[in-house]
Structure formats: structure tokens, C-alpha cells
Amino acid sequence: MATYIPKIRCADGSVAHLTPDISTAFLSYYKTLYNLSDTPPPSEVIDQYLRDSYNSTISEETKEALDTPFTMEELASAVKSMKSGKSPGPDGFTMGYYKTFLSSLGPHFLQAFNSLADHSTIPQSALLATITLIPKPDKDHTLVPNYRPISLINTDVKLFAKLLATRLNPLLPTLIHPDQSGFVTSREARDNTIRTINLIHRAQVQGHPTIFLSVDAEKAFDRVDWHYLFGVLRHLGFGSKWMTWLQALYSSPTAQIRVNGTHSTPFGISNGTRQGCPLSPLLFVLALEPFMQRIRDNDNIQGFCLPFHHYKISAYADDIL
């Protein structure tokens, strides 16, 4: 169901009631949010940070498997796993369309997806997404930040991202510490909840002074720096073809914002992982892991010591404790 926004408070404090003015307020906000820095951090700084904090790597065998061409079986499985009835991207083609005509379209898609291993460029029109705005519960809905941006991505691009996500997903349990429970196979949000309840109980029983700090990183998915993200993946040992496939998704993405049935002018995006892309949550937890390892390795942070475990930090996506 579309969200109707009757008014919005602008950056200058005025209140906009007309749809064009409301759209302009959202456009200004997200254009800034998705283009935070003109100067990326130096690659040597990123590399040094990762060397100092993150020792995980993938095996050579895994690297080669990730780089192998996609197969028709993988494509068919990806199409089958994705739900029909979802809102399409700007081109209007739904998942139901691709499911119906997969036998005819599949070979062409497979050829196109595999060819991206040789050149990391997807046509800009294909990478255009429509951002639909979902009001956050129990928030002031006259404020722009209190809407969750969901990117409606073209279905063919989403399929490509799904292929990459399906290959990446089985690796996460070995690359992501159990402290992170979000988006990792066989882990659930309740894992960290149960752990926290047990630690609070133990602290009370032992009379041990304890502070729990809960942090919700503001717009965390939207602020991920691509240079840092690609640096993490290179540090982990991902191969050239998989990296080229990924970079194709981030080559020249643009977005338009839907407000009250209208669309803003498109604008470029240079940071963030799109909420609505099947690959985004997996990339986010990988990007977060080096920071979490820094916390675990920091001797100045005492944490909570048990006989066989030392707890300092836990996370479910951008909810950090």
C-alpha cells in the first residue's frame, strides 16, 4: 500500500504541504545521505585497518568456486526462491513475468550475467531504483529521517544480486563471529537476546556492576562506504571475477524517490547498501565484522568474563549491544 505523506518539515524549519515541495525535501535529504564524501579514504589506510583487526580469509578452493560462471540451475533456483507479487522496479517487469518466461529468457540472462565478469558495467537505466518511503512506527512522520527507504530495484538486477547472495551466504558462518546473529545461516535474533538475559541474571546473582550499552547506528546501511566494503572483500581473498560482478552492481546506480504517486528527478548514489537488494544485508554484516573484532581485541574494554567465554559485543544488523 502506498504511503501518503500530507506534510513534511523542511531543513529550514518550514512545513511543506504541496507534493512537489515534499518531494524536494526528501530529494535533498537522500541526495546528501547517499553521497556523503567526495574523497574516499586512502586504500592504504583501509588495508592497514583491516590487517590490524581482521584475520579471516576464504580458501583458494572457495575463491575459485565463487569465480566460476553461473549455471542455468543456479538461475532457475534463484528465480524460484524469489517471491511473486512484489512491487517491480522502474522498468515494470515483475518476478511473475520472469518466472513465466524463464525458459525463453534464461539463456540470455545467463549470458549477460556471466559476461559482466569481463567488464563491471551495467547500463545506468537498469541500475535505476525507485525509493519508496515506509513510515517508521512510533515516530514523528513530519520528519524526513523517520521514513525507511526501500529501494524497488529492477527484477533482472535483483536476480543478479540474488545469484551473488546465494554463493556468498554459505560462507558467512566461517567469516562472521557468533557475536553477529543477523543474516547468517542458522543464527537468529533471539540468540543474542537470550545471551543478554543470561548475562544480566548472572551479573545480578554475582553482584557484579555491569553496564549494557545499546546502540542503533543511524542510517547504517545507507552510510556504508563502498571503498571500505570492497577493501574488506579483497582482504578476505575474494577473486577478481566475483569482485567484478559485485562492482557491476555498484558501477553507476541512481535512484528516484516516490512521493504521493510522483517521482523525483533521478540522482546518483555513491555509498550505502540498498535496502531491498538480496545481497545488501550480507555485505553489511561483512563490513561490520572488522569493527566488532576491534572491540573484541581491545584490552581497554573489559567485557563480561565467563569460564569459557568473554563477551564484549553483539549485533543484529545495525542494532549493536
C-alpha atoms as a PDB file:
ATOM      1  CA  MET A   1       0.000   0.000   0.000  1.00  0.00           C
ATOM      2  CA  ALA A   2       1.379   3.405  -0.975  1.00  0.00           C
ATOM      3  CA  THR A   3       2.202   5.827   1.832  1.00  0.00           C
ATOM      4  CA  TYR A   4       0.510   9.221   1.598  1.00  0.00           C
ATOM      5  CA  ILE A   5       2.566  12.000   3.152  1.00  0.00           C
ATOM      6  CA  PRO A   6       0.401  15.074   3.865  1.00  0.00           C
ATOM      7  CA  LYS A   7       3.196  17.315   5.117  1.00  0.00           C
ATOM      8  CA  ILE A   8       6.877  17.316   5.950  1.00  0.00           C
ATOM      9  CA  ARG A   9       9.182  19.613   7.878  1.00  0.00           C
ATOM     10  CA  CYS A  10      11.934  21.003   5.665  1.00  0.00           C
ATOM     11  CA  ALA A  11      15.565  21.556   6.623  1.00  0.00           C
ATOM     12  CA  ASP A  12      14.933  25.288   7.168  1.00  0.00           C
ATOM     13  CA  GLY A  13      12.145  24.550   9.658  1.00  0.00           C
ATOM     14  CA  SER A  14       9.252  25.399   7.360  1.00  0.00           C
ATOM     15  CA  VAL A  15       6.463  22.889   6.747  1.00  0.00           C
ATOM     16  CA  ALA A  16       5.721  21.770   3.185  1.00  0.00           C
ATOM     17  CA  HIS A  17       2.180  20.699   2.275  1.00  0.00           C
ATOM     18  CA  LEU A  18       2.367  20.524  -1.519  1.00  0.00           C
ATOM     19  CA  THR A  19       3.622  17.271  -3.028  1.00  0.00           C
ATOM     20  CA  PRO A  20       6.345  18.934  -5.178  1.00  0.00           C
ATOM     21  CA  ASP A  21       7.746  20.668  -2.089  1.00  0.00           C
ATOM     22  CA  ILE A  22       7.547  17.472  -0.023  1.00  0.00           C
ATOM     23  CA  SER A  23       9.340  15.600  -2.803  1.00  0.00           C
ATOM     24  CA  THR A  24      12.064  18.260  -2.905  1.00  0.00           C
ATOM     25  CA  ALA A  25      12.636  17.870   0.847  1.00  0.00           C
ATOM     26  CA  PHE A  26      13.111  14.110   0.525  1.00  0.00           C
ATOM     27  CA  LEU A  27      15.281  14.517  -2.571  1.00  0.00           C
ATOM     28  CA  SER A  28      17.601  16.950  -0.805  1.00  0.00           C
ATOM     29  CA  TYR A  29      17.929  14.654   2.214  1.00  0.00           C
ATOM     30  CA  TYR A  30      18.642  11.435   0.332  1.00  0.00           C
ATOM     31  CA  LYS A  31      20.856  13.053  -2.265  1.00  0.00           C
ATOM     32  CA  THR A  32      23.087  14.135   0.616  1.00  0.00           C
ATOM     33  CA  LEU A  33      22.813  10.849   2.525  1.00  0.00           C
ATOM     34  CA  TYR A  34      23.786   8.726  -0.486  1.00  0.00           C
ATOM     35  CA  ASN A  35      26.714  10.970  -1.420  1.00  0.00           C
ATOM     36  CA  LEU A  36      28.486  11.588   1.874  1.00  0.00           C
ATOM     37  CA  SER A  37      32.077  12.087   0.718  1.00  0.00           C
ATOM     38  CA  ASP A  38      33.820  13.347  -2.387  1.00  0.00           C
ATOM     39  CA  THR A  39      37.166  11.989  -1.185  1.00  0.00           C
ATOM     40  CA  PRO A  40      37.283   8.248  -0.376  1.00  0.00           C
ATOM     41  CA  PRO A  41      39.607   7.096   2.394  1.00  0.00           C
ATOM     42  CA  PRO A  42      43.075   6.144   1.084  1.00  0.00           C
ATOM     43  CA  SER A  43      43.270   2.454   0.209  1.00  0.00           C
ATOM     44  CA  GLU A  44      46.428   2.031   2.295  1.00  0.00           C
ATOM     45  CA  VAL A  45      44.567   3.296   5.376  1.00  0.00           C
ATOM     46  CA  ILE A  46      41.745   0.817   4.797  1.00  0.00           C
ATOM     47  CA  ASP A  47      44.200  -2.027   4.193  1.00  0.00           C
ATOM     48  CA  GLN A  48      46.146  -1.250   7.378  1.00  0.00           C
ATOM     49  CA  TYR A  49      42.956  -1.082   9.436  1.00  0.00           C
ATOM     50  CA  LEU A  50      41.892  -4.496   8.148  1.00  0.00           C
ATOM     51  CA  ARG A  51      45.313  -6.077   8.658  1.00  0.00           C
ATOM     52  CA  ASP A  52      45.270  -4.902  12.261  1.00  0.00           C
ATOM     53  CA  SER A  53      41.762  -6.123  13.047  1.00  0.00           C
ATOM     54  CA  TYR A  54      40.514  -8.896  10.772  1.00  0.00           C
ATOM     55  CA  ASN A  55      42.299 -12.193  10.123  1.00  0.00           C
ATOM     56  CA  SER A  56      39.598 -14.206   8.348  1.00  0.00           C
ATOM     57  CA  THR A  57      40.146 -15.289   4.737  1.00  0.00           C
ATOM     58  CA  ILE A  58      38.492 -17.634   2.274  1.00  0.00           C
ATOM     59  CA  SER A  59      40.319 -20.653   0.882  1.00  0.00           C
ATOM     60  CA  GLU A  60      41.713 -20.802  -2.636  1.00  0.00           C
ATOM     61  CA  GLU A  61      39.195 -23.528  -3.439  1.00  0.00           C
ATOM     62  CA  THR A  62      36.325 -21.315  -2.296  1.00  0.00           C
ATOM     63  CA  LYS A  63      37.702 -18.384  -4.260  1.00  0.00           C
ATOM     64  CA  GLU A  64      37.773 -20.446  -7.444  1.00  0.00           C
ATOM     65  CA  ALA A  65      34.243 -21.748  -6.829  1.00  0.00           C
ATOM     66  CA  LEU A  66      32.923 -18.210  -6.402  1.00  0.00           C
ATOM     67  CA  ASP A  67      34.516 -17.190  -9.699  1.00  0.00           C
ATOM     68  CA  THR A  68      33.017 -19.987 -11.806  1.00  0.00           C
ATOM     69  CA  PRO A  69      30.378 -18.954 -14.377  1.00  0.00           C
ATOM     70  CA  PHE A  70      26.779 -19.033 -13.228  1.00  0.00           C
ATOM     71  CA  THR A  71      24.735 -22.020 -14.368  1.00  0.00           C
ATOM     72  CA  MET A  72      21.154 -22.363 -15.546  1.00  0.00           C
ATOM     73  CA  GLU A  73      20.435 -24.420 -12.416  1.00  0.00           C
ATOM     74  CA  GLU A  74      21.558 -21.519 -10.221  1.00  0.00           C
ATOM     75  CA  LEU A  75      19.461 -19.055 -12.196  1.00  0.00           C
ATOM     76  CA  ALA A  76      16.361 -21.269 -12.073  1.00  0.00           C
ATOM     77  CA  SER A  77      16.808 -21.773  -8.323  1.00  0.00           C
ATOM     78  CA  ALA A  78      17.167 -18.019  -7.783  1.00  0.00           C
ATOM     79  CA  VAL A  79      14.010 -17.303  -9.778  1.00  0.00           C
ATOM     80  CA  LYS A  80      12.079 -19.983  -7.900  1.00  0.00           C
ATOM     81  CA  SER A  81      13.192 -18.707  -4.487  1.00  0.00           C
ATOM     82  CA  MET A  82      12.091 -15.121  -5.083  1.00  0.00           C
ATOM     83  CA  LYS A  83       8.502 -14.234  -4.236  1.00  0.00           C
ATOM     84  CA  SER A  84       5.984 -13.180  -6.843  1.00  0.00           C
ATOM     85  CA  GLY A  85       3.642 -10.278  -6.186  1.00  0.00           C
ATOM     86  CA  LYS A  86       6.360  -7.880  -5.070  1.00  0.00           C
ATOM     87  CA  SER A  87       6.451  -4.332  -6.400  1.00  0.00           C
ATOM     88  CA  PRO A  88       8.662  -4.136  -9.501  1.00  0.00           C
ATOM     89  CA  GLY A  89      11.443  -1.687 -10.224  1.00  0.00           C
ATOM     90  CA  PRO A  90      11.159   1.263 -12.622  1.00  0.00           C
ATOM     91  CA  ASP A  91      11.032  -0.942 -15.740  1.00  0.00           C
ATOM     92  CA  GLY A  92       7.776  -2.527 -14.524  1.00  0.00           C
ATOM     93  CA  PHE A  93       8.738  -6.170 -15.120  1.00  0.00           C
ATOM     94  CA  THR A  94       7.626  -8.353 -12.223  1.00  0.00           C
ATOM     95  CA  MET A  95       9.056 -11.585 -10.878  1.00  0.00           C
ATOM     96  CA  GLY A  96       5.944 -13.336 -12.163  1.00  0.00           C
ATOM     97  CA  TYR A  97       6.899 -12.280 -15.686  1.00  0.00           C
ATOM     98  CA  TYR A  98      10.372 -13.789 -15.381  1.00  0.00           C
ATOM     99  CA  LYS A  99       9.024 -16.973 -13.826  1.00  0.00           C
ATOM    100  CA  THR A 100       6.575 -17.382 -16.708  1.00  0.00           C
ATOM    101  CA  PHE A 101       9.121 -16.825 -19.472  1.00  0.00           C
ATOM    102  CA  LEU A 102      12.257 -18.215 -17.813  1.00  0.00           C
ATOM    103  CA  SER A 103      12.729 -20.934 -20.448  1.00  0.00           C
ATOM    104  CA  SER A 104      12.974 -18.261 -23.150  1.00  0.00           C
ATOM    105  CA  LEU A 105      14.734 -15.514 -21.201  1.00  0.00           C
ATOM    106  CA  GLY A 106      17.035 -17.651 -19.039  1.00  0.00           C
ATOM    107  CA  PRO A 107      19.819 -18.327 -21.588  1.00  0.00           C
ATOM    108  CA  HIS A 108      20.012 -14.631 -22.482  1.00  0.00           C
ATOM    109  CA  PHE A 109      20.184 -13.593 -18.837  1.00  0.00           C
ATOM    110  CA  LEU A 110      22.827 -16.202 -18.114  1.00  0.00           C
ATOM    111  CA  GLN A 111      24.995 -14.957 -20.957  1.00  0.00           C
ATOM    112  CA  ALA A 112      24.570 -11.340 -19.858  1.00  0.00           C
ATOM    113  CA  PHE A 113      25.323 -12.046 -16.188  1.00  0.00           C
ATOM    114  CA  ASN A 114      28.423 -14.109 -16.941  1.00  0.00           C
ATOM    115  CA  SER A 115      29.727 -11.507 -19.381  1.00  0.00           C
ATOM    116  CA  LEU A 116      29.818  -8.980 -16.533  1.00  0.00           C
ATOM    117  CA  ALA A 117      32.862 -10.830 -15.185  1.00  0.00           C
ATOM    118  CA  ASP A 118      34.844  -9.229 -18.025  1.00  0.00           C
ATOM    119  CA  HIS A 119      33.511  -5.678 -17.673  1.00  0.00           C
ATOM    120  CA  SER A 120      31.989  -4.290 -14.487  1.00  0.00           C
ATOM    121  CA  THR A 121      29.361  -2.107 -16.138  1.00  0.00           C
ATOM    122  CA  ILE A 122      25.586  -2.451 -16.138  1.00  0.00           C
ATOM    123  CA  PRO A 123      23.573   0.089 -18.160  1.00  0.00           C
ATOM    124  CA  GLN A 124      22.648   3.014 -15.952  1.00  0.00           C
ATOM    125  CA  SER A 125      18.966   2.653 -16.828  1.00  0.00           C
ATOM    126  CA  ALA A 126      18.998  -0.880 -15.392  1.00  0.00           C
ATOM    127  CA  LEU A 127      20.529   0.346 -12.120  1.00  0.00           C
ATOM    128  CA  LEU A 128      17.843   2.978 -11.569  1.00  0.00           C
ATOM    129  CA  ALA A 129      15.769   2.212  -8.472  1.00  0.00           C
ATOM    130  CA  THR A 130      12.601   3.756  -7.101  1.00  0.00           C
ATOM    131  CA  ILE A 131      12.834   4.592  -3.404  1.00  0.00           C
ATOM    132  CA  THR A 132       9.513   4.085  -1.662  1.00  0.00           C
ATOM    133  CA  LEU A 133       9.141   5.550   1.814  1.00  0.00           C
ATOM    134  CA  ILE A 134       7.814   3.498   4.733  1.00  0.00           C
ATOM    135  CA  PRO A 135       6.992   5.432   7.930  1.00  0.00           C
ATOM    136  CA  LYS A 136       8.788   4.112  10.986  1.00  0.00           C
ATOM    137  CA  PRO A 137       6.392   3.155  13.797  1.00  0.00           C
ATOM    138  CA  ASP A 138       6.000   5.466  16.780  1.00  0.00           C
ATOM    139  CA  LYS A 139       7.936   8.293  15.121  1.00  0.00           C
ATOM    140  CA  ASP A 140       7.128  11.863  14.086  1.00  0.00           C
ATOM    141  CA  HIS A 141       6.158  11.436  10.439  1.00  0.00           C
ATOM    142  CA  THR A 142       6.634  15.094   9.625  1.00  0.00           C
ATOM    143  CA  LEU A 143      10.401  14.486   9.801  1.00  0.00           C
ATOM    144  CA  VAL A 144      12.208  13.125   6.746  1.00  0.00           C
ATOM    145  CA  PRO A 145      14.599  10.771   8.648  1.00  0.00           C
ATOM    146  CA  ASN A 146      11.628   8.939  10.194  1.00  0.00           C
ATOM    147  CA  TYR A 147      10.873   7.104   6.963  1.00  0.00           C
ATOM    148  CA  ARG A 148      12.582   3.877   5.937  1.00  0.00           C
ATOM    149  CA  PRO A 149      13.781   3.973   2.298  1.00  0.00           C
ATOM    150  CA  ILE A 150      13.061   0.739   0.438  1.00  0.00           C
ATOM    151  CA  SER A 151      14.685   0.535  -2.983  1.00  0.00           C
ATOM    152  CA  LEU A 152      12.492  -1.041  -5.659  1.00  0.00           C
ATOM    153  CA  ILE A 153      15.165  -2.488  -7.922  1.00  0.00           C
ATOM    154  CA  ASN A 154      14.593  -3.786 -11.427  1.00  0.00           C
ATOM    155  CA  THR A 155      13.887  -7.502 -11.169  1.00  0.00           C
ATOM    156  CA  ASP A 156      16.660  -8.576 -13.542  1.00  0.00           C
ATOM    157  CA  VAL A 157      19.224  -6.702 -11.430  1.00  0.00           C
ATOM    158  CA  LYS A 158      17.715  -8.206  -8.280  1.00  0.00           C
ATOM    159  CA  LEU A 159      18.112 -11.661  -9.842  1.00  0.00           C
ATOM    160  CA  PHE A 160      21.780 -10.969 -10.486  1.00  0.00           C
ATOM    161  CA  ALA A 161      22.218  -9.849  -6.873  1.00  0.00           C
ATOM    162  CA  LYS A 162      20.398 -12.995  -5.717  1.00  0.00           C
ATOM    163  CA  LEU A 163      22.887 -15.187  -7.607  1.00  0.00           C
ATOM    164  CA  LEU A 164      25.769 -13.477  -5.824  1.00  0.00           C
ATOM    165  CA  ALA A 165      23.997 -13.663  -2.458  1.00  0.00           C
ATOM    166  CA  THR A 166      23.312 -17.389  -2.855  1.00  0.00           C
ATOM    167  CA  ARG A 167      27.012 -18.062  -3.389  1.00  0.00           C
ATOM    168  CA  LEU A 168      28.085 -15.785  -0.556  1.00  0.00           C
ATOM    169  CA  ASN A 169      25.580 -16.928   2.067  1.00  0.00           C
ATOM    170  CA  PRO A 170      27.173 -20.329   2.941  1.00  0.00           C
ATOM    171  CA  LEU A 171      30.497 -18.604   3.709  1.00  0.00           C
ATOM    172  CA  LEU A 172      29.184 -16.248   6.367  1.00  0.00           C
ATOM    173  CA  PRO A 173      29.231 -18.662   9.350  1.00  0.00           C
ATOM    174  CA  THR A 174      33.012 -19.015   8.935  1.00  0.00           C
ATOM    175  CA  LEU A 175      33.673 -15.324   8.225  1.00  0.00           C
ATOM    176  CA  ILE A 176      31.332 -13.790  10.816  1.00  0.00           C
ATOM    177  CA  HIS A 177      31.869 -14.306  14.563  1.00  0.00           C
ATOM    178  CA  PRO A 178      28.881 -15.732  16.501  1.00  0.00           C
ATOM    179  CA  ASP A 179      28.523 -12.302  18.126  1.00  0.00           C
ATOM    180  CA  GLN A 180      26.683 -11.297  14.944  1.00  0.00           C
ATOM    181  CA  SER A 181      23.379 -13.121  14.600  1.00  0.00           C
ATOM    182  CA  GLY A 182      21.727 -11.224  11.756  1.00  0.00           C
ATOM    183  CA  PHE A 183      21.535 -12.647   8.209  1.00  0.00           C
ATOM    184  CA  VAL A 184      23.826 -15.584   8.977  1.00  0.00           C
ATOM    185  CA  THR A 185      22.510 -19.091   8.330  1.00  0.00           C
ATOM    186  CA  SER A 186      21.391 -20.967  11.491  1.00  0.00           C
ATOM    187  CA  ARG A 187      21.582 -17.816  13.641  1.00  0.00           C
ATOM    188  CA  GLU A 188      18.595 -15.892  14.981  1.00  0.00           C
ATOM    189  CA  ALA A 189      17.936 -12.596  16.756  1.00  0.00           C
ATOM    190  CA  ARG A 190      16.891 -14.486  19.880  1.00  0.00           C
ATOM    191  CA  ASP A 191      20.434 -15.882  20.220  1.00  0.00           C
ATOM    192  CA  ASN A 192      21.744 -12.508  21.374  1.00  0.00           C
ATOM    193  CA  THR A 193      18.579 -11.787  23.361  1.00  0.00           C
ATOM    194  CA  ILE A 194      18.949 -14.999  25.360  1.00  0.00           C
ATOM    195  CA  ARG A 195      22.641 -14.300  25.900  1.00  0.00           C
ATOM    196  CA  THR A 196      21.904 -10.800  27.204  1.00  0.00           C
ATOM    197  CA  ILE A 197      19.197 -12.045  29.582  1.00  0.00           C
ATOM    198  CA  ASN A 198      21.591 -14.670  30.942  1.00  0.00           C
ATOM    199  CA  LEU A 199      24.368 -12.114  31.423  1.00  0.00           C
ATOM    200  CA  ILE A 200      22.035  -9.731  33.248  1.00  0.00           C
ATOM    201  CA  HIS A 201      20.900 -12.573  35.524  1.00  0.00           C
ATOM    202  CA  ARG A 202      24.480 -13.642  36.240  1.00  0.00           C
ATOM    203  CA  ALA A 203      25.502 -10.049  36.999  1.00  0.00           C
ATOM    204  CA  GLN A 204      22.617  -9.727  39.465  1.00  0.00           C
ATOM    205  CA  VAL A 205      23.378 -13.040  41.157  1.00  0.00           C
ATOM    206  CA  GLN A 206      27.093 -12.254  41.476  1.00  0.00           C
ATOM    207  CA  GLY A 207      26.539  -8.616  42.438  1.00  0.00           C
ATOM    208  CA  HIS A 208      28.828  -7.653  39.572  1.00  0.00           C
ATOM    209  CA  PRO A 209      28.454  -3.974  38.461  1.00  0.00           C
ATOM    210  CA  THR A 210      27.628  -4.119  34.761  1.00  0.00           C
ATOM    211  CA  ILE A 211      26.683  -1.620  32.063  1.00  0.00           C
ATOM    212  CA  PHE A 212      24.962  -2.638  28.833  1.00  0.00           C
ATOM    213  CA  LEU A 213      25.136  -0.040  26.063  1.00  0.00           C
ATOM    214  CA  SER A 214      22.572  -0.467  23.287  1.00  0.00           C
ATOM    215  CA  VAL A 215      23.374   1.397  20.068  1.00  0.00           C
ATOM    216  CA  ASP A 216      21.228   1.743  16.967  1.00  0.00           C
ATOM    217  CA  ALA A 217      23.552   3.078  14.272  1.00  0.00           C
ATOM    218  CA  GLU A 218      21.652   5.794  12.400  1.00  0.00           C
ATOM    219  CA  LYS A 219      21.159   5.046   8.675  1.00  0.00           C
ATOM    220  CA  ALA A 220      23.888   2.404   8.944  1.00  0.00           C
ATOM    221  CA  PHE A 221      23.007   0.561   5.724  1.00  0.00           C
ATOM    222  CA  ASP A 222      22.853   3.848   3.827  1.00  0.00           C
ATOM    223  CA  ARG A 223      26.263   5.041   5.055  1.00  0.00           C
ATOM    224  CA  VAL A 224      28.421   2.047   4.106  1.00  0.00           C
ATOM    225  CA  ASP A 225      31.476   3.317   2.230  1.00  0.00           C
ATOM    226  CA  TRP A 226      31.997   1.337  -0.966  1.00  0.00           C
ATOM    227  CA  HIS A 227      35.787   1.706  -0.968  1.00  0.00           C
ATOM    228  CA  TYR A 228      35.883   0.256   2.531  1.00  0.00           C
ATOM    229  CA  LEU A 229      33.409  -2.508   1.602  1.00  0.00           C
ATOM    230  CA  PHE A 230      35.441  -3.559  -1.434  1.00  0.00           C
ATOM    231  CA  GLY A 231      38.573  -3.396   0.732  1.00  0.00           C
ATOM    232  CA  VAL A 232      37.026  -5.849   3.209  1.00  0.00           C
ATOM    233  CA  LEU A 233      36.195  -8.303   0.414  1.00  0.00           C
ATOM    234  CA  ARG A 234      39.658  -8.045  -1.134  1.00  0.00           C
ATOM    235  CA  HIS A 235      41.180  -8.579   2.313  1.00  0.00           C
ATOM    236  CA  LEU A 236      39.080 -11.728   2.697  1.00  0.00           C
ATOM    237  CA  GLY A 237      40.514 -13.025  -0.566  1.00  0.00           C
ATOM    238  CA  PHE A 238      37.553 -12.804  -2.933  1.00  0.00           C
ATOM    239  CA  GLY A 239      38.571 -13.404  -6.535  1.00  0.00           C
ATOM    240  CA  SER A 240      38.693 -10.964  -9.413  1.00  0.00           C
ATOM    241  CA  LYS A 241      35.568 -12.255 -11.179  1.00  0.00           C
ATOM    242  CA  TRP A 242      33.359 -12.171  -8.083  1.00  0.00           C
ATOM    243  CA  MET A 243      34.636  -8.680  -7.286  1.00  0.00           C
ATOM    244  CA  THR A 244      33.946  -7.542 -10.848  1.00  0.00           C
ATOM    245  CA  TRP A 245      30.412  -8.933 -10.639  1.00  0.00           C
ATOM    246  CA  LEU A 246      29.854  -7.061  -7.389  1.00  0.00           C
ATOM    247  CA  GLN A 247      31.339  -3.840  -8.725  1.00  0.00           C
ATOM    248  CA  ALA A 248      28.949  -4.069 -11.676  1.00  0.00           C
ATOM    249  CA  LEU A 249      26.065  -3.639  -9.231  1.00  0.00           C
ATOM    250  CA  TYR A 250      27.752  -0.537  -7.829  1.00  0.00           C
ATOM    251  CA  SER A 251      29.090   0.917 -11.084  1.00  0.00           C
ATOM    252  CA  SER A 252      26.577   3.745 -11.589  1.00  0.00           C
ATOM    253  CA  PRO A 253      23.405   3.279  -9.507  1.00  0.00           C
ATOM    254  CA  THR A 254      20.795   6.011  -9.471  1.00  0.00           C
ATOM    255  CA  ALA A 255      17.504   6.460  -7.655  1.00  0.00           C
ATOM    256  CA  GLN A 256      14.270   8.383  -7.851  1.00  0.00           C
ATOM    257  CA  ILE A 257      12.016   8.972  -4.849  1.00  0.00           C
ATOM    258  CA  ARG A 258       8.314   8.190  -4.987  1.00  0.00           C
ATOM    259  CA  VAL A 259       6.196  10.661  -3.039  1.00  0.00           C
ATOM    260  CA  ASN A 260       2.396  10.647  -3.218  1.00  0.00           C
ATOM    261  CA  GLY A 261       2.356   8.966  -6.607  1.00  0.00           C
ATOM    262  CA  THR A 262       5.004  11.232  -8.143  1.00  0.00           C
ATOM    263  CA  HIS A 263       8.705  10.629  -8.815  1.00  0.00           C
ATOM    264  CA  SER A 264      11.607  12.957  -8.141  1.00  0.00           C
ATOM    265  CA  THR A 265      14.348  13.582 -10.649  1.00  0.00           C
ATOM    266  CA  PRO A 266      16.939  10.750 -10.569  1.00  0.00           C
ATOM    267  CA  PHE A 267      20.173  11.282  -8.658  1.00  0.00           C
ATOM    268  CA  GLY A 268      23.441   9.374  -8.397  1.00  0.00           C
ATOM    269  CA  ILE A 269      24.426   7.204  -5.437  1.00  0.00           C
ATOM    270  CA  SER A 270      27.998   6.750  -4.187  1.00  0.00           C
ATOM    271  CA  ASN A 271      27.612   4.999  -0.807  1.00  0.00           C
ATOM    272  CA  GLY A 272      25.277   2.657   1.046  1.00  0.00           C
ATOM    273  CA  THR A 273      23.832  -0.811   0.541  1.00  0.00           C
ATOM    274  CA  ARG A 274      20.304  -0.717  -0.812  1.00  0.00           C
ATOM    275  CA  GLN A 275      17.519  -1.923   1.482  1.00  0.00           C
ATOM    276  CA  GLY A 276      15.551  -4.159  -0.844  1.00  0.00           C
ATOM    277  CA  CYS A 277      18.544  -5.811  -2.505  1.00  0.00           C
ATOM    278  CA  PRO A 278      19.024  -9.500  -1.503  1.00  0.00           C
ATOM    279  CA  LEU A 279      22.803  -9.026  -1.345  1.00  0.00           C
ATOM    280  CA  SER A 280      22.830  -5.906   0.845  1.00  0.00           C
ATOM    281  CA  PRO A 281      22.384  -7.454   4.324  1.00  0.00           C
ATOM    282  CA  LEU A 282      25.171  -9.960   3.669  1.00  0.00           C
ATOM    283  CA  LEU A 283      27.550  -7.212   2.589  1.00  0.00           C
ATOM    284  CA  PHE A 284      26.584  -5.138   5.613  1.00  0.00           C
ATOM    285  CA  VAL A 285      27.474  -7.804   8.185  1.00  0.00           C
ATOM    286  CA  LEU A 286      30.807  -8.384   6.421  1.00  0.00           C
ATOM    287  CA  ALA A 287      31.533  -4.652   6.517  1.00  0.00           C
ATOM    288  CA  LEU A 288      30.661  -4.505  10.231  1.00  0.00           C
ATOM    289  CA  GLU A 289      32.749  -7.503  11.327  1.00  0.00           C
ATOM    290  CA  PRO A 290      36.207  -5.788  11.381  1.00  0.00           C
ATOM    291  CA  PHE A 291      34.845  -3.121  13.741  1.00  0.00           C
ATOM    292  CA  MET A 292      33.419  -5.790  16.021  1.00  0.00           C
ATOM    293  CA  GLN A 293      36.733  -7.624  16.018  1.00  0.00           C
ATOM    294  CA  ARG A 294      38.428  -4.374  17.045  1.00  0.00           C
ATOM    295  CA  ILE A 295      36.128  -4.226  20.067  1.00  0.00           C
ATOM    296  CA  ARG A 296      36.830  -7.859  20.961  1.00  0.00           C
ATOM    297  CA  ASP A 297      40.604  -7.259  20.721  1.00  0.00           C
ATOM    298  CA  ASN A 298      40.587  -4.023  22.730  1.00  0.00           C
ATOM    299  CA  ASP A 299      42.095  -4.679  26.165  1.00  0.00           C
ATOM    300  CA  ASN A 300      40.622  -1.421  27.484  1.00  0.00           C
ATOM    301  CA  ILE A 301      37.126  -2.857  27.109  1.00  0.00           C
ATOM    302  CA  GLN A 302      36.690  -5.376  29.916  1.00  0.00           C
ATOM    303  CA  GLY A 303      33.512  -7.094  28.789  1.00  0.00           C
ATOM    304  CA  PHE A 304      31.865  -9.906  30.710  1.00  0.00           C
ATOM    305  CA  CYS A 305      34.006 -12.924  31.511  1.00  0.00           C
ATOM    306  CA  LEU A 306      32.586 -16.419  31.899  1.00  0.00           C
ATOM    307  CA  PRO A 307      34.588 -19.634  32.343  1.00  0.00           C
ATOM    308  CA  PHE A 308      34.731 -20.403  28.629  1.00  0.00           C
ATOM    309  CA  HIS A 309      33.575 -17.173  27.001  1.00  0.00           C
ATOM    310  CA  HIS A 310      34.432 -13.496  27.045  1.00  0.00           C
ATOM    311  CA  TYR A 311      31.559 -11.288  25.874  1.00  0.00           C
ATOM    312  CA  LYS A 312      32.132  -7.702  24.784  1.00  0.00           C
ATOM    313  CA  ILE A 313      29.787  -7.011  21.895  1.00  0.00           C
ATOM    314  CA  SER A 314      26.882  -8.472  19.971  1.00  0.00           C
ATOM    315  CA  ALA A 315      24.904  -7.290  16.963  1.00  0.00           C
ATOM    316  CA  TYR A 316      21.846  -7.991  14.910  1.00  0.00           C
ATOM    317  CA  ALA A 317      22.294  -5.960  11.718  1.00  0.00           C
ATOM    318  CA  ASP A 318      22.689  -2.341  12.881  1.00  0.00           C
ATOM    319  CA  ASP A 319      21.457  -2.984  16.439  1.00  0.00           C
ATOM    320  CA  ILE A 320      24.641  -3.223  18.494  1.00  0.00           C
ATOM    321  CA  LEU A 321      24.957  -4.126  22.182  1.00  0.00           C
END
